[in-house]
Amino acid sequence: MNRILLILIVLWLLSLIQAKAQALLPPLEEMPLSREVYLILKNGDKISGQLLNSTSGRGINKVKLMDDSGIKHEFKAIEIFELGIFSNEMVKAQYLNESSASIKAMIKTDRSAIKQNDYVVFRNAQLNGGKELLLQLLNPHFDDKIEVFHAVNARKTTPLRKGTITLTGEMQRVYLVSKEGSSTFKVKKGSYRKSFHQLFTDCPDLMSIKKPKFRDFGRHIYYYTESCGQGVNEYFWEN
């Protein structure tokens, strides 16, 4: 196969991947402004109804809800696999309000990703030390191998202001990550290259990237989940 044909094939594959590619959702700093929820317990039971209350710290540790029959339930995080909170118009507005903290954040926020998610998903995650909490899942459509969670209270990039306008900053610089059901560990902007090699060492395609960028973290996970090992050795991030 000559080089020109190979390049054309790679560009075609690139267009297909980019058409489907998913960005990490921006996290919500506050509980979603919606009461309509579903709950999946670890034993497989599913309950839908109205959220009455939840207690939070570094994540959600207890949920109270009233099911569709009017019966009230209370569960601890250790009993829950997943909590989904319906993304109504108020929640979508909440997303956009939080993501508009700076001009840069507003431009970089993937609004299409926000709109296509019917629920804000909180998934059971085990922290270092064994504590289990419900944390917001930021890659709900490509989480088969790697789950990315909001690291509550983690530092963001430092704001740069001009007068009353915030130009940059307020972007995530730390995520909590679980691979294949492991306890969560931190992936940080400042040490992303090290985390990149730890997460994707079994994917030669990704290992060909000489200078992986933290901003592409979601795209790396998407490729690892959906396309790694399918023979595309040319890759679409600049080295």
C-alpha atoms as a PDB file:
ATOM      1  CA  MET A   1       0.000   0.000   0.000  1.00  0.00           C
ATOM      2  CA  ASN A   2       1.534   3.334  -1.018  1.00  0.00           C
ATOM      3  CA  ARG A   3       1.886   6.130   1.522  1.00  0.00           C
ATOM      4  CA  ILE A   4      -0.710   8.438  -0.061  1.00  0.00           C
ATOM      5  CA  LEU A   5      -3.374   5.725   0.103  1.00  0.00           C
ATOM      6  CA  LEU A   6      -2.430   4.950   3.704  1.00  0.00           C
ATOM      7  CA  ILE A   7      -2.786   8.627   4.645  1.00  0.00           C
ATOM      8  CA  LEU A   8      -6.211   8.797   2.972  1.00  0.00           C
ATOM      9  CA  ILE A   9      -7.376   5.724   4.896  1.00  0.00           C
ATOM     10  CA  VAL A  10      -6.121   7.166   8.175  1.00  0.00           C
ATOM     11  CA  LEU A  11      -7.884  10.488   7.496  1.00  0.00           C
ATOM     12  CA  TRP A  12     -11.107   8.629   6.723  1.00  0.00           C
ATOM     13  CA  LEU A  13     -10.842   6.662   9.949  1.00  0.00           C
ATOM     14  CA  LEU A  14     -10.093   9.895  11.752  1.00  0.00           C
ATOM     15  CA  SER A  15     -13.290  11.468  10.452  1.00  0.00           C
ATOM     16  CA  LEU A  16     -15.319   8.477  11.674  1.00  0.00           C
ATOM     17  CA  ILE A  17     -13.711   8.521  15.110  1.00  0.00           C
ATOM     18  CA  GLN A  18     -14.085  12.272  15.514  1.00  0.00           C
ATOM     19  CA  ALA A  19     -17.741  12.098  14.473  1.00  0.00           C
ATOM     20  CA  LYS A  20     -18.411   9.739  17.368  1.00  0.00           C
ATOM     21  CA  ALA A  21     -15.819  11.012  19.816  1.00  0.00           C
ATOM     22  CA  GLN A  22     -17.042  11.958  23.246  1.00  0.00           C
ATOM     23  CA  ALA A  23     -15.637  14.571  25.568  1.00  0.00           C
ATOM     24  CA  LEU A  24     -15.662  14.231  29.321  1.00  0.00           C
ATOM     25  CA  LEU A  25     -18.690  15.923  30.810  1.00  0.00           C
ATOM     26  CA  PRO A  26     -18.043  18.991  32.926  1.00  0.00           C
ATOM     27  CA  PRO A  27     -18.884  18.120  36.537  1.00  0.00           C
ATOM     28  CA  LEU A  28     -21.586  19.803  38.553  1.00  0.00           C
ATOM     29  CA  GLU A  29     -20.238  21.384  41.725  1.00  0.00           C
ATOM     30  CA  GLU A  30     -23.703  21.398  43.318  1.00  0.00           C
ATOM     31  CA  MET A  31     -26.369  18.679  43.400  1.00  0.00           C
ATOM     32  CA  PRO A  32     -28.473  18.707  40.210  1.00  0.00           C
ATOM     33  CA  LEU A  33     -31.636  20.797  40.467  1.00  0.00           C
ATOM     34  CA  SER A  34     -33.967  17.880  39.781  1.00  0.00           C
ATOM     35  CA  ARG A  35     -35.908  15.461  41.973  1.00  0.00           C
ATOM     36  CA  GLU A  36     -36.715  12.773  39.400  1.00  0.00           C
ATOM     37  CA  VAL A  37     -34.310   9.857  39.925  1.00  0.00           C
ATOM     38  CA  TYR A  38     -33.634   6.180  39.454  1.00  0.00           C
ATOM     39  CA  LEU A  39     -31.557   4.037  41.763  1.00  0.00           C
ATOM     40  CA  ILE A  40     -29.831   0.749  40.911  1.00  0.00           C
ATOM     41  CA  LEU A  41     -28.796  -1.252  43.957  1.00  0.00           C
ATOM     42  CA  LYS A  42     -25.887  -3.648  44.035  1.00  0.00           C
ATOM     43  CA  ASN A  43     -28.344  -6.557  44.307  1.00  0.00           C
ATOM     44  CA  GLY A  44     -29.807  -5.565  40.925  1.00  0.00           C
ATOM     45  CA  ASP A  45     -33.026  -3.950  42.159  1.00  0.00           C
ATOM     46  CA  LYS A  46     -34.031  -0.731  40.405  1.00  0.00           C
ATOM     47  CA  ILE A  47     -36.195   1.947  42.040  1.00  0.00           C
ATOM     48  CA  SER A  48     -37.507   5.083  40.383  1.00  0.00           C
ATOM     49  CA  GLY A  49     -39.184   8.018  42.048  1.00  0.00           C
ATOM     50  CA  GLN A  50     -38.511  11.379  43.674  1.00  0.00           C
ATOM     51  CA  LEU A  51     -35.336  12.333  45.512  1.00  0.00           C
ATOM     52  CA  LEU A  52     -36.143  13.485  49.044  1.00  0.00           C
ATOM     53  CA  ASN A  53     -32.659  14.104  50.405  1.00  0.00           C
ATOM     54  CA  SER A  54     -29.012  13.195  50.054  1.00  0.00           C
ATOM     55  CA  THR A  55     -25.978  13.720  52.250  1.00  0.00           C
ATOM     56  CA  SER A  56     -22.673  14.616  50.684  1.00  0.00           C
ATOM     57  CA  GLY A  57     -19.064  15.276  51.541  1.00  0.00           C
ATOM     58  CA  ARG A  58     -16.412  14.171  49.117  1.00  0.00           C
ATOM     59  CA  GLY A  59     -19.284  12.424  47.352  1.00  0.00           C
ATOM     60  CA  ILE A  60     -22.831  11.270  48.039  1.00  0.00           C
ATOM     61  CA  ASN A  61     -22.902   8.893  51.013  1.00  0.00           C
ATOM     62  CA  LYS A  62     -26.652   8.513  51.634  1.00  0.00           C
ATOM     63  CA  VAL A  63     -29.817   8.827  49.527  1.00  0.00           C
ATOM     64  CA  LYS A  64     -33.458   9.140  50.560  1.00  0.00           C
ATOM     65  CA  LEU A  65     -36.191   8.796  47.953  1.00  0.00           C
ATOM     66  CA  MET A  66     -39.887   8.085  47.572  1.00  0.00           C
ATOM     67  CA  ASP A  67     -40.703   5.487  44.921  1.00  0.00           C
ATOM     68  CA  ASP A  68     -43.505   5.682  42.387  1.00  0.00           C
ATOM     69  CA  SER A  69     -45.797   3.855  44.829  1.00  0.00           C
ATOM     70  CA  GLY A  70     -45.269   6.447  47.546  1.00  0.00           C
ATOM     71  CA  ILE A  71     -43.003   4.260  49.697  1.00  0.00           C
ATOM     72  CA  LYS A  72     -39.965   5.965  51.221  1.00  0.00           C
ATOM     73  CA  HIS A  73     -36.503   4.356  51.072  1.00  0.00           C
ATOM     74  CA  GLU A  74     -33.090   5.225  52.488  1.00  0.00           C
ATOM     75  CA  PHE A  75     -29.855   3.688  51.261  1.00  0.00           C
ATOM     76  CA  LYS A  76     -26.181   4.181  52.004  1.00  0.00           C
ATOM     77  CA  ALA A  77     -23.668   4.511  49.180  1.00  0.00           C
ATOM     78  CA  ILE A  78     -22.230   1.095  49.995  1.00  0.00           C
ATOM     79  CA  GLU A  79     -25.601  -0.439  48.965  1.00  0.00           C
ATOM     80  CA  ILE A  80     -25.937   1.495  45.704  1.00  0.00           C
ATOM     81  CA  PHE A  81     -24.433   0.801  42.288  1.00  0.00           C
ATOM     82  CA  GLU A  82     -25.789   3.836  40.441  1.00  0.00           C
ATOM     83  CA  LEU A  83     -27.920   6.913  40.971  1.00  0.00           C
ATOM     84  CA  GLY A  84     -29.343   8.759  37.971  1.00  0.00           C
ATOM     85  CA  ILE A  85     -30.851  12.237  38.339  1.00  0.00           C
ATOM     86  CA  PHE A  86     -33.017  13.380  35.434  1.00  0.00           C
ATOM     87  CA  SER A  87     -31.417  16.200  33.483  1.00  0.00           C
ATOM     88  CA  ASN A  88     -34.334  18.585  33.145  1.00  0.00           C
ATOM     89  CA  GLU A  89     -34.097  22.108  31.764  1.00  0.00           C
ATOM     90  CA  MET A  90     -33.043  23.462  35.152  1.00  0.00           C
ATOM     91  CA  VAL A  91     -30.145  20.999  35.292  1.00  0.00           C
ATOM     92  CA  LYS A  92     -29.035  21.908  31.775  1.00  0.00           C
ATOM     93  CA  ALA A  93     -29.142  25.582  32.746  1.00  0.00           C
ATOM     94  CA  GLN A  94     -27.177  24.727  35.896  1.00  0.00           C
ATOM     95  CA  TYR A  95     -24.509  23.042  33.749  1.00  0.00           C
ATOM     96  CA  LEU A  96     -24.218  26.050  31.466  1.00  0.00           C
ATOM     97  CA  ASN A  97     -24.111  28.485  34.380  1.00  0.00           C
ATOM     98  CA  GLU A  98     -21.300  26.592  36.128  1.00  0.00           C
ATOM     99  CA  SER A  99     -19.339  26.123  32.897  1.00  0.00           C
ATOM    100  CA  SER A 100     -19.483  29.855  32.156  1.00  0.00           C
ATOM    101  CA  ALA A 101     -17.220  30.760  35.086  1.00  0.00           C
ATOM    102  CA  SER A 102     -14.587  31.919  32.595  1.00  0.00           C
ATOM    103  CA  ILE A 103     -14.456  32.738  28.900  1.00  0.00           C
ATOM    104  CA  LYS A 104     -12.124  29.782  28.255  1.00  0.00           C
ATOM    105  CA  ALA A 105     -14.323  27.347  30.194  1.00  0.00           C
ATOM    106  CA  MET A 106     -17.399  28.548  28.335  1.00  0.00           C
ATOM    107  CA  ILE A 107     -15.732  27.995  24.947  1.00  0.00           C
ATOM    108  CA  LYS A 108     -14.338  24.575  25.855  1.00  0.00           C
ATOM    109  CA  THR A 109     -17.543  23.178  27.410  1.00  0.00           C
ATOM    110  CA  ASP A 110     -19.081  20.544  25.164  1.00  0.00           C
ATOM    111  CA  ARG A 111     -22.698  21.671  25.229  1.00  0.00           C
ATOM    112  CA  SER A 112     -23.804  18.918  22.861  1.00  0.00           C
ATOM    113  CA  ALA A 113     -22.572  16.352  25.410  1.00  0.00           C
ATOM    114  CA  ILE A 114     -24.639  18.056  28.098  1.00  0.00           C
ATOM    115  CA  LYS A 115     -27.760  18.087  25.953  1.00  0.00           C
ATOM    116  CA  GLN A 116     -27.577  14.437  24.913  1.00  0.00           C
ATOM    117  CA  ASN A 117     -27.421  13.085  28.459  1.00  0.00           C
ATOM    118  CA  ASP A 118     -30.880  12.436  29.884  1.00  0.00           C
ATOM    119  CA  TYR A 119     -29.485  11.778  33.368  1.00  0.00           C
ATOM    120  CA  VAL A 120     -26.639  12.998  35.537  1.00  0.00           C
ATOM    121  CA  VAL A 121     -25.098   9.709  36.656  1.00  0.00           C
ATOM    122  CA  PHE A 122     -23.483   9.090  40.032  1.00  0.00           C
ATOM    123  CA  ARG A 123     -21.716   5.727  40.277  1.00  0.00           C
ATOM    124  CA  ASN A 124     -20.391   3.802  43.267  1.00  0.00           C
ATOM    125  CA  ALA A 125     -16.648   4.376  43.568  1.00  0.00           C
ATOM    126  CA  GLN A 126     -14.185   3.026  46.087  1.00  0.00           C
ATOM    127  CA  LEU A 127     -11.645   5.530  47.329  1.00  0.00           C
ATOM    128  CA  ASN A 128      -8.183   4.712  48.615  1.00  0.00           C
ATOM    129  CA  GLY A 129      -8.758   3.269  52.068  1.00  0.00           C
ATOM    130  CA  GLY A 130     -11.893   1.389  51.024  1.00  0.00           C
ATOM    131  CA  LYS A 131     -14.566   4.059  51.614  1.00  0.00           C
ATOM    132  CA  GLU A 132     -17.394   3.885  49.065  1.00  0.00           C
ATOM    133  CA  LEU A 133     -19.170   7.009  47.785  1.00  0.00           C
ATOM    134  CA  LEU A 134     -21.334   7.959  44.823  1.00  0.00           C
ATOM    135  CA  LEU A 135     -19.344  10.215  42.492  1.00  0.00           C
ATOM    136  CA  GLN A 136     -20.450  11.883  39.285  1.00  0.00           C
ATOM    137  CA  LEU A 137     -19.455   9.773  36.273  1.00  0.00           C
ATOM    138  CA  LEU A 138     -18.000  12.011  33.567  1.00  0.00           C
ATOM    139  CA  ASN A 139     -17.782   9.481  30.703  1.00  0.00           C
ATOM    140  CA  PRO A 140     -21.180   7.732  30.855  1.00  0.00           C
ATOM    141  CA  HIS A 141     -21.155   6.623  27.197  1.00  0.00           C
ATOM    142  CA  PHE A 142     -17.658   5.104  27.072  1.00  0.00           C
ATOM    143  CA  ASP A 143     -17.089   3.768  30.586  1.00  0.00           C
ATOM    144  CA  ASP A 144     -16.769   0.035  29.837  1.00  0.00           C
ATOM    145  CA  LYS A 145     -13.070  -0.129  30.737  1.00  0.00           C
ATOM    146  CA  ILE A 146     -12.239   3.137  32.477  1.00  0.00           C
ATOM    147  CA  GLU A 147     -14.529   5.239  34.655  1.00  0.00           C
ATOM    148  CA  VAL A 148     -13.740   8.915  35.201  1.00  0.00           C
ATOM    149  CA  PHE A 149     -15.222  10.612  38.253  1.00  0.00           C
ATOM    150  CA  HIS A 150     -15.459  14.176  39.477  1.00  0.00           C
ATOM    151  CA  ALA A 151     -12.869  14.789  42.193  1.00  0.00           C
ATOM    152  CA  VAL A 152     -14.944  16.892  44.593  1.00  0.00           C
ATOM    153  CA  ASN A 153     -13.111  19.907  46.026  1.00  0.00           C
ATOM    154  CA  ALA A 154     -10.102  19.312  43.771  1.00  0.00           C
ATOM    155  CA  ARG A 155      -8.144  22.369  42.655  1.00  0.00           C
ATOM    156  CA  LYS A 156      -8.899  23.896  39.286  1.00  0.00           C
ATOM    157  CA  THR A 157      -6.656  25.928  37.032  1.00  0.00           C
ATOM    158  CA  THR A 158      -5.843  29.393  38.391  1.00  0.00           C
ATOM    159  CA  PRO A 159      -8.152  32.156  37.111  1.00  0.00           C
ATOM    160  CA  LEU A 160      -6.778  34.988  34.979  1.00  0.00           C
ATOM    161  CA  ARG A 161      -8.970  38.083  35.194  1.00  0.00           C
ATOM    162  CA  LYS A 162      -9.189  41.367  33.333  1.00  0.00           C
ATOM    163  CA  GLY A 163     -11.393  43.729  35.274  1.00  0.00           C
ATOM    164  CA  THR A 164     -14.626  41.949  36.139  1.00  0.00           C
ATOM    165  CA  ILE A 165     -14.188  39.352  33.366  1.00  0.00           C
ATOM    166  CA  THR A 166     -12.523  35.983  34.045  1.00  0.00           C
ATOM    167  CA  LEU A 167     -10.579  35.039  30.915  1.00  0.00           C
ATOM    168  CA  THR A 168      -9.120  31.654  31.879  1.00  0.00           C
ATOM    169  CA  GLY A 169      -9.117  29.242  34.763  1.00  0.00           C
ATOM    170  CA  GLU A 170     -11.846  27.217  36.460  1.00  0.00           C
ATOM    171  CA  MET A 171     -10.934  24.149  34.370  1.00  0.00           C
ATOM    172  CA  GLN A 172     -10.556  20.688  35.884  1.00  0.00           C
ATOM    173  CA  ARG A 173      -6.985  19.682  36.655  1.00  0.00           C
ATOM    174  CA  VAL A 174      -7.670  16.479  38.663  1.00  0.00           C
ATOM    175  CA  TYR A 175      -9.945  13.490  38.035  1.00  0.00           C
ATOM    176  CA  LEU A 176     -10.568  10.318  40.000  1.00  0.00           C
ATOM    177  CA  VAL A 177     -10.242   7.267  37.776  1.00  0.00           C
ATOM    178  CA  SER A 178     -11.034   3.573  38.095  1.00  0.00           C
ATOM    179  CA  LYS A 179      -9.753   1.053  35.555  1.00  0.00           C
ATOM    180  CA  GLU A 180     -11.517  -2.310  35.299  1.00  0.00           C
ATOM    181  CA  GLY A 181     -13.239  -1.816  38.665  1.00  0.00           C
ATOM    182  CA  SER A 182     -10.146  -0.848  40.658  1.00  0.00           C
ATOM    183  CA  SER A 183     -10.112   1.581  43.569  1.00  0.00           C
ATOM    184  CA  THR A 184      -9.957   5.137  42.327  1.00  0.00           C
ATOM    185  CA  PHE A 185      -6.698   6.987  41.835  1.00  0.00           C
ATOM    186  CA  LYS A 186      -5.938  10.565  40.799  1.00  0.00           C
ATOM    187  CA  VAL A 187      -5.063  11.631  37.286  1.00  0.00           C
ATOM    188  CA  LYS A 188      -3.569  15.121  37.418  1.00  0.00           C
ATOM    189  CA  LYS A 189      -2.800  17.664  34.760  1.00  0.00           C
ATOM    190  CA  GLY A 190       0.738  18.185  36.052  1.00  0.00           C
ATOM    191  CA  SER A 191       1.665  14.491  35.905  1.00  0.00           C
ATOM    192  CA  TYR A 192      -0.545  13.345  33.046  1.00  0.00           C
ATOM    193  CA  ARG A 193       2.228  11.722  31.035  1.00  0.00           C
ATOM    194  CA  LYS A 194       2.921   9.280  33.883  1.00  0.00           C
ATOM    195  CA  SER A 195      -0.793   8.469  34.324  1.00  0.00           C
ATOM    196  CA  PHE A 196      -1.178   8.111  30.559  1.00  0.00           C
ATOM    197  CA  HIS A 197       1.431   5.352  30.458  1.00  0.00           C
ATOM    198  CA  GLN A 198      -0.100   3.614  33.475  1.00  0.00           C
ATOM    199  CA  LEU A 199      -3.600   3.621  31.965  1.00  0.00           C
ATOM    200  CA  PHE A 200      -2.891   2.844  28.334  1.00  0.00           C
ATOM    201  CA  THR A 201       0.278   0.754  28.367  1.00  0.00           C
ATOM    202  CA  ASP A 202      -1.643  -2.174  26.802  1.00  0.00           C
ATOM    203  CA  CYS A 203      -2.634  -0.082  23.777  1.00  0.00           C
ATOM    204  CA  PRO A 204       0.271   0.273  21.306  1.00  0.00           C
ATOM    205  CA  ASP A 205      -1.667   2.821  19.237  1.00  0.00           C
ATOM    206  CA  LEU A 206      -1.870   5.213  22.161  1.00  0.00           C
ATOM    207  CA  MET A 207       1.674   4.462  23.267  1.00  0.00           C
ATOM    208  CA  SER A 208       2.830   5.899  19.945  1.00  0.00           C
ATOM    209  CA  ILE A 209       1.825   9.372  21.170  1.00  0.00           C
ATOM    210  CA  LYS A 210       5.047  10.978  22.333  1.00  0.00           C
ATOM    211  CA  LYS A 211       3.541  13.956  24.138  1.00  0.00           C
ATOM    212  CA  PRO A 212       0.044  13.111  25.403  1.00  0.00           C
ATOM    213  CA  LYS A 213      -1.951  16.139  26.505  1.00  0.00           C
ATOM    214  CA  PHE A 214      -4.255  16.284  29.524  1.00  0.00           C
ATOM    215  CA  ARG A 215      -6.847  18.142  27.457  1.00  0.00           C
ATOM    216  CA  ASP A 216      -7.214  15.004  25.300  1.00  0.00           C
ATOM    217  CA  PHE A 217      -7.843  12.688  28.266  1.00  0.00           C
ATOM    218  CA  GLY A 218     -11.448  11.976  27.284  1.00  0.00           C
ATOM    219  CA  ARG A 219     -10.495  11.278  23.685  1.00  0.00           C
ATOM    220  CA  HIS A 220      -7.731   8.915  24.817  1.00  0.00           C
ATOM    221  CA  ILE A 221     -10.231   6.936  26.903  1.00  0.00           C
ATOM    222  CA  TYR A 222     -12.754   6.875  24.070  1.00  0.00           C
ATOM    223  CA  TYR A 223     -10.164   5.529  21.638  1.00  0.00           C
ATOM    224  CA  TYR A 224      -8.903   2.983  24.181  1.00  0.00           C
ATOM    225  CA  THR A 225     -12.448   1.735  24.776  1.00  0.00           C
ATOM    226  CA  GLU A 226     -13.779   1.724  21.224  1.00  0.00           C
ATOM    227  CA  SER A 227     -10.899   1.379  18.779  1.00  0.00           C
ATOM    228  CA  CYS A 228      -7.655   0.157  20.337  1.00  0.00           C
ATOM    229  CA  GLY A 229      -6.272  -2.956  18.672  1.00  0.00           C
ATOM    230  CA  GLN A 230      -8.201  -2.523  15.424  1.00  0.00           C
ATOM    231  CA  GLY A 231      -5.085  -1.914  13.412  1.00  0.00           C
ATOM    232  CA  VAL A 232      -4.985   1.870  13.228  1.00  0.00           C
ATOM    233  CA  ASN A 233      -1.347   2.492  14.030  1.00  0.00           C
ATOM    234  CA  GLU A 234      -1.296   6.026  12.676  1.00  0.00           C
ATOM    235  CA  TYR A 235      -2.869   8.308  15.252  1.00  0.00           C
ATOM    236  CA  PHE A 236      -4.577  11.667  15.133  1.00  0.00           C
ATOM    237  CA  TRP A 237      -2.985  13.598  17.999  1.00  0.00           C
ATOM    238  CA  GLU A 238       0.076  15.576  17.154  1.00  0.00           C
ATOM    239  CA  ASN A 239       3.203  14.253  18.845  1.00  0.00           C
END
